[in-house]
Amino acid sequence: MNVIGNLISNRSKATSVAVGLALAGALVSTRADASAAPPRTTFVAAHTRSDVGCDYFYGDRPTISYGSSGPIVKQAQCELNGVIGAGLRIDGAFGSATTSATKKFQAKCGLAKDGIIGPKTWARLNDAYYYHARC
């Protein structure tokens, strides 16, 4: 602390350069730390806390309905479990239980109860699951 205090009190050009370099170094290290990827955080609905997050599918959400299958259906099943406590088995098969849970969620959110997870249902489901938004 005395060295920095002495440097600042001298007000010489050398001091200004030294202090400037020290500050620049601090800014560079801060930027490097800020650009590092933050630790991954899993968001779950507040009323169904779980250590397991829904990370079955990344990217755009296609429209899915009865008969659909794959990772996107697992994602929907997981989110429905988290938001309405549907109790679905996350198996990637969009069957009658997933259709019923979808209709229940749609009714809760004032959406058309068609059992199809399209753009509007995905938007509400993702908001409810990841951001704890209320319908």
N, C-alpha and C. Protein backbone atom coordinates (compact mmCIF):
# COMPACT_ATOMS: atom_id res chain seq x y z
N MET A 1 0.82 -1.18 0.00
CA MET A 1 0.00 0.00 0.00
C MET A 1 0.87 1.25 0.00
N ASN A 2 1.99 1.25 0.73
CA ASN A 2 2.88 2.41 0.78
C ASN A 2 3.50 2.69 -0.59
N VAL A 3 3.84 1.65 -1.32
CA VAL A 3 4.47 1.83 -2.63
C VAL A 3 3.49 2.52 -3.57
N ILE A 4 2.25 2.07 -3.60
CA ILE A 4 1.24 2.69 -4.47
C ILE A 4 0.97 4.12 -4.01
N GLY A 5 0.87 4.32 -2.71
CA GLY A 5 0.67 5.67 -2.18
C GLY A 5 1.79 6.60 -2.58
N ASN A 6 3.04 6.14 -2.48
CA ASN A 6 4.20 6.95 -2.87
C ASN A 6 4.18 7.25 -4.37
N LEU A 7 3.82 6.23 -5.17
CA LEU A 7 3.77 6.43 -6.61
C LEU A 7 2.74 7.49 -6.98
N ILE A 8 1.58 7.42 -6.36
CA ILE A 8 0.52 8.38 -6.67
C ILE A 8 0.91 9.78 -6.19
N SER A 9 1.55 9.88 -5.02
CA SER A 9 1.88 11.20 -4.49
C SER A 9 3.00 11.88 -5.28
N ASN A 10 3.87 11.13 -5.93
CA ASN A 10 4.96 11.72 -6.71
C ASN A 10 4.45 12.43 -7.96
N ARG A 11 3.39 11.97 -8.53
CA ARG A 11 2.76 12.56 -9.73
C ARG A 11 3.73 12.74 -10.90
N SER A 12 4.65 11.89 -11.00
CA SER A 12 5.58 11.97 -12.13
C SER A 12 4.99 11.20 -13.31
N LYS A 13 5.58 11.40 -14.48
CA LYS A 13 5.13 10.67 -15.66
C LYS A 13 5.32 9.19 -15.46
N ALA A 14 6.41 8.80 -14.85
CA ALA A 14 6.67 7.38 -14.61
C ALA A 14 5.60 6.79 -13.71
N THR A 15 5.19 7.57 -12.73
CA THR A 15 4.15 7.10 -11.82
C THR A 15 2.84 6.91 -12.56
N SER A 16 2.51 7.87 -13.40
CA SER A 16 1.27 7.79 -14.16
C SER A 16 1.27 6.55 -15.05
N VAL A 17 2.40 6.29 -15.67
CA VAL A 17 2.52 5.11 -16.53
C VAL A 17 2.38 3.84 -15.71
N ALA A 18 3.04 3.78 -14.56
CA ALA A 18 2.99 2.58 -13.72
C ALA A 18 1.57 2.33 -13.23
N VAL A 19 0.91 3.39 -12.77
CA VAL A 19 -0.46 3.23 -12.28
C VAL A 19 -1.37 2.83 -13.44
N GLY A 20 -1.19 3.47 -14.60
CA GLY A 20 -2.00 3.13 -15.77
C GLY A 20 -1.84 1.68 -16.17
N LEU A 21 -0.58 1.20 -16.16
CA LEU A 21 -0.35 -0.20 -16.49
C LEU A 21 -0.98 -1.13 -15.47
N ALA A 22 -0.89 -0.77 -14.20
CA ALA A 22 -1.49 -1.60 -13.16
C ALA A 22 -3.01 -1.67 -13.35
N LEU A 23 -3.62 -0.52 -13.64
CA LEU A 23 -5.06 -0.51 -13.87
C LEU A 23 -5.43 -1.28 -15.13
N ALA A 24 -4.66 -1.12 -16.18
CA ALA A 24 -4.93 -1.85 -17.42
C ALA A 24 -4.85 -3.35 -17.18
N GLY A 25 -3.86 -3.77 -16.40
CA GLY A 25 -3.74 -5.19 -16.06
C GLY A 25 -4.95 -5.68 -15.30
N ALA A 26 -5.46 -4.85 -14.39
CA ALA A 26 -6.66 -5.23 -13.63
C ALA A 26 -7.86 -5.35 -14.56
N LEU A 27 -7.98 -4.42 -15.52
CA LEU A 27 -9.10 -4.48 -16.45
C LEU A 27 -9.02 -5.71 -17.34
N VAL A 28 -7.81 -6.01 -17.81
CA VAL A 28 -7.64 -7.18 -18.66
C VAL A 28 -8.00 -8.44 -17.91
N SER A 29 -7.55 -8.57 -16.65
CA SER A 29 -7.86 -9.79 -15.91
C SER A 29 -9.35 -9.87 -15.60
N THR A 30 -9.99 -8.73 -15.37
CA THR A 30 -11.43 -8.73 -15.13
C THR A 30 -12.17 -9.17 -16.38
N ARG A 31 -11.76 -8.65 -17.54
CA ARG A 31 -12.41 -9.05 -18.78
C ARG A 31 -12.22 -10.53 -19.05
N ALA A 32 -11.04 -11.04 -18.78
CA ALA A 32 -10.80 -12.46 -19.01
C ALA A 32 -11.70 -13.29 -18.11
N ASP A 33 -11.86 -12.84 -16.84
CA ASP A 33 -12.73 -13.57 -15.93
C ASP A 33 -14.18 -13.47 -16.38
N ALA A 34 -14.58 -12.30 -16.86
CA ALA A 34 -15.96 -12.09 -17.27
C ALA A 34 -16.30 -12.89 -18.53
N SER A 35 -15.30 -13.09 -19.40
CA SER A 35 -15.59 -13.81 -20.63
C SER A 35 -15.61 -15.32 -20.43
N ALA A 36 -15.11 -15.79 -19.29
CA ALA A 36 -15.15 -17.22 -19.02
C ALA A 36 -16.60 -17.65 -18.88
N ALA A 37 -16.91 -18.83 -19.33
CA ALA A 37 -18.28 -19.32 -19.26
C ALA A 37 -18.70 -19.47 -17.79
N PRO A 38 -19.88 -18.96 -17.45
CA PRO A 38 -20.34 -19.10 -16.07
C PRO A 38 -20.70 -20.55 -15.80
N PRO A 39 -20.71 -20.95 -14.54
CA PRO A 39 -21.09 -22.33 -14.26
C PRO A 39 -22.53 -22.56 -14.70
N ARG A 40 -22.82 -23.74 -15.17
CA ARG A 40 -24.15 -24.05 -15.67
C ARG A 40 -25.13 -24.10 -14.50
N THR A 41 -26.24 -23.44 -14.68
CA THR A 41 -27.27 -23.41 -13.66
C THR A 41 -28.50 -24.12 -14.20
N THR A 42 -29.07 -24.97 -13.40
CA THR A 42 -30.28 -25.66 -13.79
C THR A 42 -31.46 -24.97 -13.13
N PHE A 43 -32.44 -24.58 -13.93
CA PHE A 43 -33.63 -23.93 -13.41
C PHE A 43 -34.75 -24.94 -13.37
N VAL A 44 -35.46 -24.98 -12.28
CA VAL A 44 -36.62 -25.85 -12.17
C VAL A 44 -37.77 -25.05 -11.58
N ALA A 45 -38.97 -25.50 -11.79
CA ALA A 45 -40.13 -24.81 -11.25
C ALA A 45 -40.04 -24.76 -9.73
N ALA A 46 -40.45 -23.66 -9.15
CA ALA A 46 -40.30 -23.44 -7.71
C ALA A 46 -41.05 -24.48 -6.89
N HIS A 47 -42.18 -24.98 -7.37
CA HIS A 47 -42.99 -25.88 -6.57
C HIS A 47 -42.59 -27.34 -6.70
N THR A 48 -41.62 -27.66 -7.55
CA THR A 48 -41.18 -29.04 -7.69
C THR A 48 -39.66 -29.08 -7.74
N ARG A 49 -39.00 -28.57 -6.72
CA ARG A 49 -37.55 -28.50 -6.71
C ARG A 49 -36.95 -29.87 -6.99
N SER A 50 -35.91 -29.86 -7.81
CA SER A 50 -35.25 -31.10 -8.19
C SER A 50 -33.82 -30.79 -8.57
N ASP A 51 -32.95 -31.75 -8.35
CA ASP A 51 -31.56 -31.58 -8.76
C ASP A 51 -31.36 -31.97 -10.22
N VAL A 52 -32.38 -32.54 -10.83
CA VAL A 52 -32.27 -32.98 -12.22
C VAL A 52 -32.92 -31.93 -13.11
N GLY A 53 -32.17 -31.41 -14.06
CA GLY A 53 -32.70 -30.41 -14.99
C GLY A 53 -33.14 -31.07 -16.28
N CYS A 54 -33.89 -30.33 -17.04
CA CYS A 54 -34.35 -30.81 -18.34
C CYS A 54 -33.33 -30.39 -19.39
N ASP A 55 -32.48 -31.28 -19.78
CA ASP A 55 -31.47 -30.96 -20.78
C ASP A 55 -31.40 -32.05 -21.85
N TYR A 56 -32.56 -32.44 -22.33
CA TYR A 56 -32.64 -33.50 -23.33
C TYR A 56 -32.54 -32.96 -24.75
N PHE A 57 -32.88 -31.68 -24.94
CA PHE A 57 -32.95 -31.14 -26.29
C PHE A 57 -32.56 -29.67 -26.26
N TYR A 58 -31.74 -29.26 -27.22
CA TYR A 58 -31.33 -27.87 -27.36
C TYR A 58 -31.69 -27.41 -28.77
N GLY A 59 -32.05 -26.16 -28.89
CA GLY A 59 -32.37 -25.62 -30.21
C GLY A 59 -33.83 -25.24 -30.31
N ASP A 60 -34.27 -25.00 -31.53
CA ASP A 60 -35.66 -24.61 -31.78
C ASP A 60 -36.58 -25.75 -31.37
N ARG A 61 -37.75 -25.37 -30.90
CA ARG A 61 -38.73 -26.35 -30.44
C ARG A 61 -39.75 -26.62 -31.54
N PRO A 62 -39.69 -27.78 -32.18
CA PRO A 62 -40.68 -28.10 -33.21
C PRO A 62 -42.03 -28.45 -32.58
N THR A 63 -43.08 -28.38 -33.37
CA THR A 63 -44.40 -28.77 -32.91
C THR A 63 -44.43 -30.29 -32.74
N ILE A 64 -44.92 -30.73 -31.59
CA ILE A 64 -45.01 -32.17 -31.31
C ILE A 64 -46.41 -32.49 -30.80
N SER A 65 -46.82 -33.72 -31.01
CA SER A 65 -48.14 -34.17 -30.58
C SER A 65 -48.15 -35.68 -30.45
N TYR A 66 -49.32 -36.23 -30.19
CA TYR A 66 -49.48 -37.68 -30.03
C TYR A 66 -48.77 -38.41 -31.17
N GLY A 67 -47.92 -39.35 -30.82
CA GLY A 67 -47.17 -40.13 -31.81
C GLY A 67 -45.75 -39.63 -32.03
N SER A 68 -45.46 -38.41 -31.60
CA SER A 68 -44.09 -37.89 -31.74
C SER A 68 -43.17 -38.64 -30.79
N SER A 69 -41.89 -38.64 -31.11
CA SER A 69 -40.94 -39.32 -30.22
C SER A 69 -39.57 -38.67 -30.32
N GLY A 70 -38.71 -39.01 -29.38
CA GLY A 70 -37.34 -38.53 -29.39
C GLY A 70 -37.03 -37.58 -28.26
N PRO A 71 -35.83 -36.99 -28.32
CA PRO A 71 -35.36 -36.10 -27.25
C PRO A 71 -36.26 -34.89 -27.01
N ILE A 72 -36.89 -34.36 -28.05
CA ILE A 72 -37.77 -33.21 -27.87
C ILE A 72 -38.97 -33.57 -27.02
N VAL A 73 -39.46 -34.79 -27.15
CA VAL A 73 -40.58 -35.23 -26.32
C VAL A 73 -40.11 -35.42 -24.87
N LYS A 74 -38.91 -35.94 -24.70
CA LYS A 74 -38.35 -36.05 -23.34
C LYS A 74 -38.27 -34.67 -22.69
N GLN A 75 -37.87 -33.69 -23.47
CA GLN A 75 -37.77 -32.31 -22.96
C GLN A 75 -39.15 -31.83 -22.50
N ALA A 76 -40.16 -32.04 -23.32
CA ALA A 76 -41.51 -31.62 -22.98
C ALA A 76 -42.01 -32.36 -21.74
N GLN A 77 -41.79 -33.66 -21.68
CA GLN A 77 -42.24 -34.45 -20.52
C GLN A 77 -41.57 -33.96 -19.24
N CYS A 78 -40.30 -33.68 -19.31
CA CYS A 78 -39.56 -33.19 -18.15
C CYS A 78 -40.11 -31.84 -17.69
N GLU A 79 -40.33 -30.93 -18.63
CA GLU A 79 -40.84 -29.61 -18.29
C GLU A 79 -42.27 -29.70 -17.74
N LEU A 80 -43.10 -30.55 -18.31
CA LEU A 80 -44.46 -30.73 -17.78
C LEU A 80 -44.41 -31.28 -16.35
N ASN A 81 -43.51 -32.21 -16.10
CA ASN A 81 -43.35 -32.72 -14.74
C ASN A 81 -42.96 -31.59 -13.78
N GLY A 82 -42.05 -30.74 -14.22
CA GLY A 82 -41.59 -29.66 -13.37
C GLY A 82 -42.62 -28.58 -13.13
N VAL A 83 -43.44 -28.30 -14.12
CA VAL A 83 -44.38 -27.19 -14.02
C VAL A 83 -45.69 -27.60 -13.35
N ILE A 84 -46.26 -28.73 -13.76
CA ILE A 84 -47.56 -29.11 -13.20
C ILE A 84 -47.50 -30.40 -12.39
N GLY A 85 -46.30 -30.94 -12.19
CA GLY A 85 -46.19 -32.18 -11.43
C GLY A 85 -46.93 -33.33 -12.09
N ALA A 86 -46.76 -33.44 -13.41
CA ALA A 86 -47.53 -34.40 -14.20
C ALA A 86 -47.22 -35.86 -13.87
N GLY A 87 -46.05 -36.14 -13.35
CA GLY A 87 -45.68 -37.53 -13.03
C GLY A 87 -45.45 -38.39 -14.26
N LEU A 88 -45.08 -37.76 -15.34
CA LEU A 88 -44.83 -38.50 -16.58
C LEU A 88 -43.52 -39.26 -16.51
N ARG A 89 -43.51 -40.44 -17.09
CA ARG A 89 -42.25 -41.16 -17.28
C ARG A 89 -41.56 -40.51 -18.47
N ILE A 90 -40.32 -40.12 -18.29
CA ILE A 90 -39.58 -39.44 -19.37
C ILE A 90 -38.99 -40.50 -20.28
N ASP A 91 -39.81 -40.90 -21.25
CA ASP A 91 -39.42 -42.00 -22.14
C ASP A 91 -39.28 -41.57 -23.60
N GLY A 92 -39.64 -40.31 -23.90
CA GLY A 92 -39.51 -39.83 -25.27
C GLY A 92 -40.62 -40.24 -26.19
N ALA A 93 -41.71 -40.83 -25.66
CA ALA A 93 -42.85 -41.22 -26.47
C ALA A 93 -44.06 -40.37 -26.09
N PHE A 94 -44.59 -39.62 -27.03
CA PHE A 94 -45.73 -38.74 -26.79
C PHE A 94 -46.99 -39.59 -26.92
N GLY A 95 -47.44 -40.09 -25.78
CA GLY A 95 -48.63 -40.94 -25.76
C GLY A 95 -49.79 -40.25 -25.08
N SER A 96 -50.74 -41.06 -24.60
CA SER A 96 -51.95 -40.51 -24.00
C SER A 96 -51.67 -39.76 -22.71
N ALA A 97 -50.73 -40.22 -21.90
CA ALA A 97 -50.41 -39.53 -20.64
C ALA A 97 -49.80 -38.15 -20.92
N THR A 98 -48.93 -38.07 -21.89
CA THR A 98 -48.32 -36.79 -22.25
C THR A 98 -49.36 -35.86 -22.86
N THR A 99 -50.28 -36.41 -23.65
CA THR A 99 -51.36 -35.62 -24.22
C THR A 99 -52.23 -35.04 -23.11
N SER A 100 -52.59 -35.86 -22.13
CA SER A 100 -53.42 -35.40 -21.01
C SER A 100 -52.71 -34.31 -20.21
N ALA A 101 -51.43 -34.52 -19.94
CA ALA A 101 -50.66 -33.51 -19.19
C ALA A 101 -50.55 -32.21 -19.98
N THR A 102 -50.40 -32.32 -21.28
CA THR A 102 -50.32 -31.13 -22.14
C THR A 102 -51.63 -30.36 -22.09
N LYS A 103 -52.76 -31.08 -22.18
CA LYS A 103 -54.07 -30.43 -22.13
C LYS A 103 -54.29 -29.77 -20.77
N LYS A 104 -53.85 -30.43 -19.71
CA LYS A 104 -53.98 -29.85 -18.36
C LYS A 104 -53.18 -28.55 -18.27
N PHE A 105 -51.96 -28.56 -18.79
CA PHE A 105 -51.13 -27.35 -18.79
C PHE A 105 -51.78 -26.26 -19.63
N GLN A 106 -52.26 -26.62 -20.81
CA GLN A 106 -52.89 -25.64 -21.70
C GLN A 106 -54.12 -25.01 -21.05
N ALA A 107 -54.91 -25.81 -20.34
CA ALA A 107 -56.09 -25.29 -19.66
C ALA A 107 -55.68 -24.31 -18.56
N LYS A 108 -54.64 -24.67 -17.83
CA LYS A 108 -54.15 -23.81 -16.75
C LYS A 108 -53.68 -22.46 -17.29
N CYS A 109 -53.14 -22.45 -18.50
CA CYS A 109 -52.55 -21.23 -19.06
C CYS A 109 -53.46 -20.52 -20.05
N GLY A 110 -54.69 -20.97 -20.19
CA GLY A 110 -55.63 -20.30 -21.09
C GLY A 110 -55.33 -20.51 -22.56
N LEU A 111 -54.67 -21.59 -22.88
CA LEU A 111 -54.37 -21.91 -24.28
C LEU A 111 -55.41 -22.89 -24.82
N ALA A 112 -55.46 -23.05 -26.13
CA ALA A 112 -56.36 -24.03 -26.73
C ALA A 112 -55.95 -25.43 -26.24
N LYS A 113 -56.92 -26.17 -25.70
CA LYS A 113 -56.64 -27.51 -25.14
C LYS A 113 -56.68 -28.56 -26.26
N ASP A 114 -55.64 -28.54 -27.09
CA ASP A 114 -55.61 -29.47 -28.21
C ASP A 114 -54.60 -30.61 -28.01
N GLY A 115 -53.81 -30.54 -26.95
CA GLY A 115 -52.82 -31.59 -26.69
C GLY A 115 -51.61 -31.52 -27.59
N ILE A 116 -51.49 -30.46 -28.36
CA ILE A 116 -50.36 -30.27 -29.27
C ILE A 116 -49.45 -29.22 -28.68
N ILE A 117 -48.16 -29.52 -28.63
CA ILE A 117 -47.19 -28.55 -28.12
C ILE A 117 -46.57 -27.85 -29.32
N GLY A 118 -47.15 -26.70 -29.63
CA GLY A 118 -46.68 -25.86 -30.73
C GLY A 118 -45.99 -24.63 -30.17
N PRO A 119 -45.79 -23.61 -31.00
CA PRO A 119 -45.05 -22.42 -30.57
C PRO A 119 -45.61 -21.73 -29.31
N LYS A 120 -46.94 -21.56 -29.24
CA LYS A 120 -47.53 -20.88 -28.08
C LYS A 120 -47.38 -21.71 -26.81
N THR A 121 -47.62 -23.01 -26.91
CA THR A 121 -47.49 -23.87 -25.73
C THR A 121 -46.03 -23.96 -25.30
N TRP A 122 -45.12 -24.10 -26.26
CA TRP A 122 -43.69 -24.13 -25.91
C TRP A 122 -43.29 -22.84 -25.20
N ALA A 123 -43.74 -21.72 -25.70
CA ALA A 123 -43.36 -20.43 -25.10
C ALA A 123 -43.81 -20.38 -23.64
N ARG A 124 -45.06 -20.74 -23.39
CA ARG A 124 -45.57 -20.70 -22.02
C ARG A 124 -44.89 -21.75 -21.14
N LEU A 125 -44.67 -22.94 -21.69
CA LEU A 125 -44.05 -24.02 -20.93
C LEU A 125 -42.62 -23.65 -20.55
N ASN A 126 -41.87 -23.13 -21.50
CA ASN A 126 -40.49 -22.73 -21.20
C ASN A 126 -40.44 -21.59 -20.19
N ASP A 127 -41.33 -20.61 -20.34
CA ASP A 127 -41.37 -19.50 -19.38
C ASP A 127 -41.70 -20.01 -17.98
N ALA A 128 -42.66 -20.92 -17.89
CA ALA A 128 -43.05 -21.46 -16.58
C ALA A 128 -41.93 -22.30 -15.98
N TYR A 129 -41.28 -23.11 -16.81
CA TYR A 129 -40.24 -24.02 -16.29
C TYR A 129 -38.96 -23.28 -15.93
N TYR A 130 -38.44 -22.50 -16.85
CA TYR A 130 -37.13 -21.88 -16.66
C TYR A 130 -37.18 -20.57 -15.86
N TYR A 131 -38.28 -19.83 -15.97
CA TYR A 131 -38.33 -18.51 -15.34
C TYR A 131 -39.42 -18.39 -14.27
N HIS A 132 -40.06 -19.50 -13.96
CA HIS A 132 -41.10 -19.54 -12.92
C HIS A 132 -42.25 -18.58 -13.21
N ALA A 133 -42.52 -18.32 -14.48
CA ALA A 133 -43.60 -17.43 -14.87
C ALA A 133 -44.94 -18.09 -14.56
N ARG A 134 -45.88 -17.29 -14.19
CA ARG A 134 -47.24 -17.78 -13.93
C ARG A 134 -48.06 -17.61 -15.19
N CYS A 135 -48.97 -18.52 -15.41
CA CYS A 135 -49.87 -18.43 -16.57
C CYS A 135 -50.95 -17.41 -16.29
